[in-house]
């Protein structure tokens, strides 16, 4: 019976809090109202011109890591110049482009 008070004390002791771990909150960066996941890159305008920036963690906070690389720009090759014709001349074999017609007075 000597162990009964010891058992009562053990049962009355508060249990240690069980840690569930960190809450599952996704870490994201925000740029112009759009959220980006860690590791994603975006093109940002900086005083040095457009630069690539990567969403990363810094001191337990999300942050943009701006690189020295400029943003890759989509470049389209210019289309070849196509001469413009009058709609009334469409299909005629003797049709003259508008740029040439402006140089020569119209004899029609």
Protein backbone atom coordinates (compact mmCIF):
# COMPACT_ATOMS: atom_id res chain seq x y z
CA UNK A 1 0.00 0.00 0.00
CA UNK A 2 2.97 2.30 0.23
CA UNK A 3 3.02 2.57 -3.54
CA UNK A 4 -0.58 3.93 -3.70
CA UNK A 5 0.42 7.57 -2.91
CA UNK A 6 3.26 7.31 -5.43
CA UNK A 7 0.85 6.05 -8.08
CA UNK A 8 -1.57 8.87 -7.26
CA UNK A 9 1.22 11.44 -7.66
CA UNK A 10 2.26 9.96 -10.99
CA UNK A 11 -1.31 10.05 -12.30
CA UNK A 12 -1.79 13.66 -11.18
CA UNK A 13 1.36 14.91 -12.93
CA UNK A 14 0.66 16.86 -16.08
CA UNK A 15 1.58 15.03 -19.24
CA UNK A 16 4.14 16.71 -21.46
CA UNK A 17 2.67 18.36 -24.52
CA UNK A 18 3.01 16.21 -27.56
CA UNK A 19 4.41 18.22 -30.41
CA UNK A 20 2.63 17.62 -33.70
CA UNK A 21 5.52 19.12 -35.59
CA UNK A 22 5.40 22.23 -37.70
CA UNK A 23 2.08 23.00 -39.31
CA UNK A 24 1.95 22.09 -42.98
CA UNK A 25 1.89 25.63 -44.32
CA UNK A 26 3.42 25.99 -47.79
CA UNK A 27 6.20 28.55 -47.98
CA UNK A 28 5.64 30.81 -50.97
CA UNK A 29 6.93 34.08 -52.36
CA UNK A 30 4.62 36.78 -53.68
CA UNK A 31 5.21 38.99 -56.72
CA UNK A 32 2.57 41.35 -58.14
CA UNK A 33 -0.21 39.49 -56.30
CA UNK A 34 0.82 36.06 -57.60
CA UNK A 35 2.23 33.36 -55.33
CA UNK A 36 5.27 31.33 -56.36
CA UNK A 37 6.54 28.11 -54.77
CA UNK A 38 10.08 27.77 -53.43
CA UNK A 39 12.56 27.35 -56.28
CA UNK A 40 10.44 29.00 -58.96
CA UNK A 41 11.98 31.83 -60.96
CA UNK A 42 10.45 35.03 -62.24
CA UNK A 43 11.68 37.99 -64.27
CA UNK A 44 11.78 41.16 -62.12
CA UNK A 45 12.46 44.73 -63.15
CA UNK A 46 15.37 46.11 -61.13
CA UNK A 47 17.43 49.31 -61.36
CA UNK A 48 19.98 47.21 -63.31
CA UNK A 49 17.32 46.11 -65.81
CA UNK A 50 15.23 42.94 -65.92
CA UNK A 51 16.81 40.17 -63.81
CA UNK A 52 15.94 36.59 -62.93
CA UNK A 53 14.84 36.11 -59.31
CA UNK A 54 14.35 32.79 -57.50
CA UNK A 55 11.99 32.22 -54.57
CA UNK A 56 14.09 30.96 -51.64
CA UNK A 57 14.21 30.75 -47.84
CA UNK A 58 16.38 33.16 -45.86
CA UNK A 59 16.38 33.13 -42.06
CA UNK A 60 13.06 31.24 -41.87
CA UNK A 61 11.35 33.71 -44.26
CA UNK A 62 10.70 33.53 -47.96
CA UNK A 63 12.71 35.96 -50.04
CA UNK A 64 13.60 36.69 -53.66
CA UNK A 65 17.20 35.85 -54.55
CA UNK A 66 17.98 38.15 -57.50
CA UNK A 67 20.65 36.84 -59.85
CA UNK A 68 23.01 38.76 -62.11
CA UNK A 69 21.54 37.08 -65.18
CA UNK A 70 19.26 39.16 -67.32
CA UNK A 71 15.92 37.67 -68.26
CA UNK A 72 15.76 35.59 -71.41
CA UNK A 73 13.56 37.43 -73.85
CA UNK A 74 11.44 35.74 -76.45
CA UNK A 75 12.69 37.05 -79.74
CA UNK A 76 10.74 36.75 -82.94
CA UNK A 77 12.50 37.01 -86.24
CA UNK A 78 11.03 39.87 -88.23
CA UNK A 79 8.64 38.83 -90.94
CA UNK A 80 9.70 39.48 -94.52
CA UNK A 81 8.21 42.62 -95.98
CA UNK A 82 5.15 41.83 -98.07
CA UNK A 83 4.17 44.46 -100.60
CA UNK A 84 0.67 45.88 -100.16
CA UNK A 85 -1.68 46.05 -103.14
CA UNK A 86 -4.94 47.88 -103.67
CA UNK A 87 -7.94 45.67 -103.09
CA UNK A 88 -9.31 46.61 -106.52
CA UNK A 89 -6.10 45.31 -108.15
CA UNK A 90 -6.26 41.93 -106.39
CA UNK A 91 -5.64 39.11 -108.85
CA UNK A 92 -4.58 41.32 -111.76
CA UNK A 93 -1.28 40.40 -113.37
CA UNK A 94 -0.28 44.05 -113.89
CA UNK A 95 -0.95 45.08 -110.26
CA UNK A 96 1.63 47.48 -108.86
CA UNK A 97 2.52 47.52 -105.14
CA UNK A 98 1.33 50.62 -103.26
CA UNK A 99 4.87 51.74 -102.48
CA UNK A 100 5.73 51.72 -106.21
CA UNK A 101 2.36 53.23 -107.15
CA UNK A 102 3.03 56.22 -104.88
CA UNK A 103 6.23 56.93 -106.79
CA UNK A 104 4.53 56.70 -110.21
CA UNK A 105 1.49 58.91 -110.94
CA UNK A 106 -1.69 56.91 -111.49
CA UNK A 107 -2.64 56.98 -115.19
CA UNK A 108 -5.97 55.23 -114.75
